Amino acid sequence: MAGEEVLGLSTTLLGQGTPTLTAPVIPVPDGETATLMDAYHAGLAAGRSPAEALATAQQRTRDSGPAALAAAAGFVCLGAGLAPLTS
C-alpha cells in the first residue's frame, strides 16, 4: 500500500538496532528542507537530543513561508530520540 514504505523501512532500521531515526513521512522537496536540516544539524552539534533538535528546527521554520513549514511538518523523530547523540 502506498505510504507504508517509509514506516516499513523505519521499522526495519529500528529493529536492527538503529537507536534513532529522523525521517519524512511524506514526500518533501529538497529546497524547502535545506533550512530545516541546517537548523536540525546545528541543534545536534550543540548537544540537543534528536527529538529536541528537530522540534526546535521545525519551530524556526514558522516564518520561512508555507512551503518550508509544510516540508518541516513532514519530519518525525522515531526511536530513542530523547538523549543527545554521542560520538
C-alpha atoms as a PDB file:
ATOM      1  CA  MET A   1       0.000   0.000   0.000  1.00  0.00           C
ATOM      2  CA  ALA A   2       1.296   3.469  -0.857  1.00  0.00           C
ATOM      3  CA  GLY A   3       2.884   5.282   2.065  1.00  0.00           C
ATOM      4  CA  GLU A   4       3.827   2.189   4.049  1.00  0.00           C
ATOM      5  CA  GLU A   5       7.350   2.134   2.618  1.00  0.00           C
ATOM      6  CA  VAL A   6       8.660   4.798   5.000  1.00  0.00           C
ATOM      7  CA  LEU A   7       7.280   3.137   8.099  1.00  0.00           C
ATOM      8  CA  GLY A   8       8.412  -0.271   6.887  1.00  0.00           C
ATOM      9  CA  LEU A   9      11.961   0.955   6.363  1.00  0.00           C
ATOM     10  CA  SER A  10      11.902   2.726   9.729  1.00  0.00           C
ATOM     11  CA  THR A  11      10.684  -0.402  11.474  1.00  0.00           C
ATOM     12  CA  THR A  12      13.441  -2.431   9.840  1.00  0.00           C
ATOM     13  CA  LEU A  13      16.178   0.045  10.788  1.00  0.00           C
ATOM     14  CA  LEU A  14      14.955   0.397  14.378  1.00  0.00           C
ATOM     15  CA  GLY A  15      14.587  -3.379  14.655  1.00  0.00           C
ATOM     16  CA  GLN A  16      18.194  -3.836  13.519  1.00  0.00           C
ATOM     17  CA  GLY A  17      19.497  -1.587  16.295  1.00  0.00           C
ATOM     18  CA  THR A  18      19.389   1.950  14.912  1.00  0.00           C
ATOM     19  CA  PRO A  19      18.601   3.914  18.089  1.00  0.00           C
ATOM     20  CA  THR A  20      17.071   6.994  16.464  1.00  0.00           C
ATOM     21  CA  LEU A  21      15.767   7.841  13.042  1.00  0.00           C
ATOM     22  CA  THR A  22      14.671  11.257  11.791  1.00  0.00           C
ATOM     23  CA  ALA A  23      12.791  10.936   8.531  1.00  0.00           C
ATOM     24  CA  PRO A  24       9.983  12.456   6.498  1.00  0.00           C
ATOM     25  CA  VAL A  25       6.680  10.605   6.450  1.00  0.00           C
ATOM     26  CA  ILE A  26       5.513  12.442   3.332  1.00  0.00           C
ATOM     27  CA  PRO A  27       7.339  13.466   0.161  1.00  0.00           C
ATOM     28  CA  VAL A  28       9.218  16.704   0.863  1.00  0.00           C
ATOM     29  CA  PRO A  29      11.005  18.965  -1.629  1.00  0.00           C
ATOM     30  CA  ASP A  30      14.769  19.296  -1.168  1.00  0.00           C
ATOM     31  CA  GLY A  31      14.861  23.070  -1.453  1.00  0.00           C
ATOM     32  CA  GLU A  32      12.307  23.627   1.287  1.00  0.00           C
ATOM     33  CA  THR A  33      14.032  21.262   3.710  1.00  0.00           C
ATOM     34  CA  ALA A  34      17.539  22.756   3.489  1.00  0.00           C
ATOM     35  CA  THR A  35      16.908  25.376   6.176  1.00  0.00           C
ATOM     36  CA  LEU A  36      15.252  22.784   8.414  1.00  0.00           C
ATOM     37  CA  MET A  37      18.164  20.362   8.084  1.00  0.00           C
ATOM     38  CA  ASP A  38      20.733  23.105   8.715  1.00  0.00           C
ATOM     39  CA  ALA A  39      18.939  24.032  11.949  1.00  0.00           C
ATOM     40  CA  TYR A  40      18.460  20.359  12.892  1.00  0.00           C
ATOM     41  CA  HIS A  41      22.145  19.511  12.499  1.00  0.00           C
ATOM     42  CA  ALA A  42      23.168  22.692  14.324  1.00  0.00           C
ATOM     43  CA  GLY A  43      20.990  21.555  17.219  1.00  0.00           C
ATOM     44  CA  LEU A  44      22.610  18.123  17.235  1.00  0.00           C
ATOM     45  CA  ALA A  45      26.064  19.719  17.166  1.00  0.00           C
ATOM     46  CA  ALA A  46      25.045  21.889  20.129  1.00  0.00           C
ATOM     47  CA  GLY A  47      24.267  18.751  22.151  1.00  0.00           C
ATOM     48  CA  ARG A  48      20.482  18.653  21.820  1.00  0.00           C
ATOM     49  CA  SER A  49      18.725  15.323  21.535  1.00  0.00           C
ATOM     50  CA  PRO A  50      17.445  14.417  18.063  1.00  0.00           C
ATOM     51  CA  ALA A  51      13.827  14.986  19.124  1.00  0.00           C
ATOM     52  CA  GLU A  52      14.599  18.377  20.647  1.00  0.00           C
ATOM     53  CA  ALA A  53      16.790  19.426  17.714  1.00  0.00           C
ATOM     54  CA  LEU A  54      14.012  18.522  15.262  1.00  0.00           C
ATOM     55  CA  ALA A  55      11.307  20.288  17.269  1.00  0.00           C
ATOM     56  CA  THR A  56      13.427  23.419  17.579  1.00  0.00           C
ATOM     57  CA  ALA A  57      14.263  23.376  13.866  1.00  0.00           C
ATOM     58  CA  GLN A  58      10.586  22.931  12.991  1.00  0.00           C
ATOM     59  CA  GLN A  59       9.618  25.884  15.181  1.00  0.00           C
ATOM     60  CA  ARG A  60      12.212  28.063  13.456  1.00  0.00           C
ATOM     61  CA  THR A  61      10.635  27.400  10.051  1.00  0.00           C
ATOM     62  CA  ARG A  62       7.355  29.072  11.034  1.00  0.00           C
ATOM     63  CA  ASP A  63       8.413  32.331   9.408  1.00  0.00           C
ATOM     64  CA  SER A  64      10.009  30.744   6.327  1.00  0.00           C
ATOM     65  CA  GLY A  65       6.800  30.557   4.325  1.00  0.00           C
ATOM     66  CA  PRO A  66       4.092  27.959   3.856  1.00  0.00           C
ATOM     67  CA  ALA A  67       6.121  25.586   1.656  1.00  0.00           C
ATOM     68  CA  ALA A  68       9.007  25.383   4.152  1.00  0.00           C
ATOM     69  CA  LEU A  69       6.580  24.995   7.047  1.00  0.00           C
ATOM     70  CA  ALA A  70       4.744  22.175   5.276  1.00  0.00           C
ATOM     71  CA  ALA A  71       8.026  20.408   4.486  1.00  0.00           C
ATOM     72  CA  ALA A  72       9.201  20.757   8.092  1.00  0.00           C
ATOM     73  CA  ALA A  73       5.951  19.324   9.415  1.00  0.00           C
ATOM     74  CA  GLY A  74       6.562  16.171   7.381  1.00  0.00           C
ATOM     75  CA  PHE A  75       9.529  15.066   9.527  1.00  0.00           C
ATOM     76  CA  VAL A  76       9.308  12.899  12.635  1.00  0.00           C
ATOM     77  CA  CYS A  77      11.827  11.518  15.084  1.00  0.00           C
ATOM     78  CA  LEU A  78      11.403   7.801  15.790  1.00  0.00           C
ATOM     79  CA  GLY A  79      13.084   5.602  18.372  1.00  0.00           C
ATOM     80  CA  ALA A  80      15.036   6.724  21.393  1.00  0.00           C
ATOM     81  CA  GLY A  81      15.469  10.337  20.310  1.00  0.00           C
ATOM     82  CA  LEU A  82      15.439  11.853  23.792  1.00  0.00           C
ATOM     83  CA  ALA A  83      19.141  11.568  24.592  1.00  0.00           C
ATOM     84  CA  PRO A  84      21.859  13.614  22.887  1.00  0.00           C
ATOM     85  CA  LEU A  85      23.930  11.756  20.326  1.00  0.00           C
ATOM     86  CA  THR A  86      27.391  10.695  21.407  1.00  0.00           C
ATOM     87  CA  SER A  87      30.442  10.357  19.222  1.00  0.00           C
END
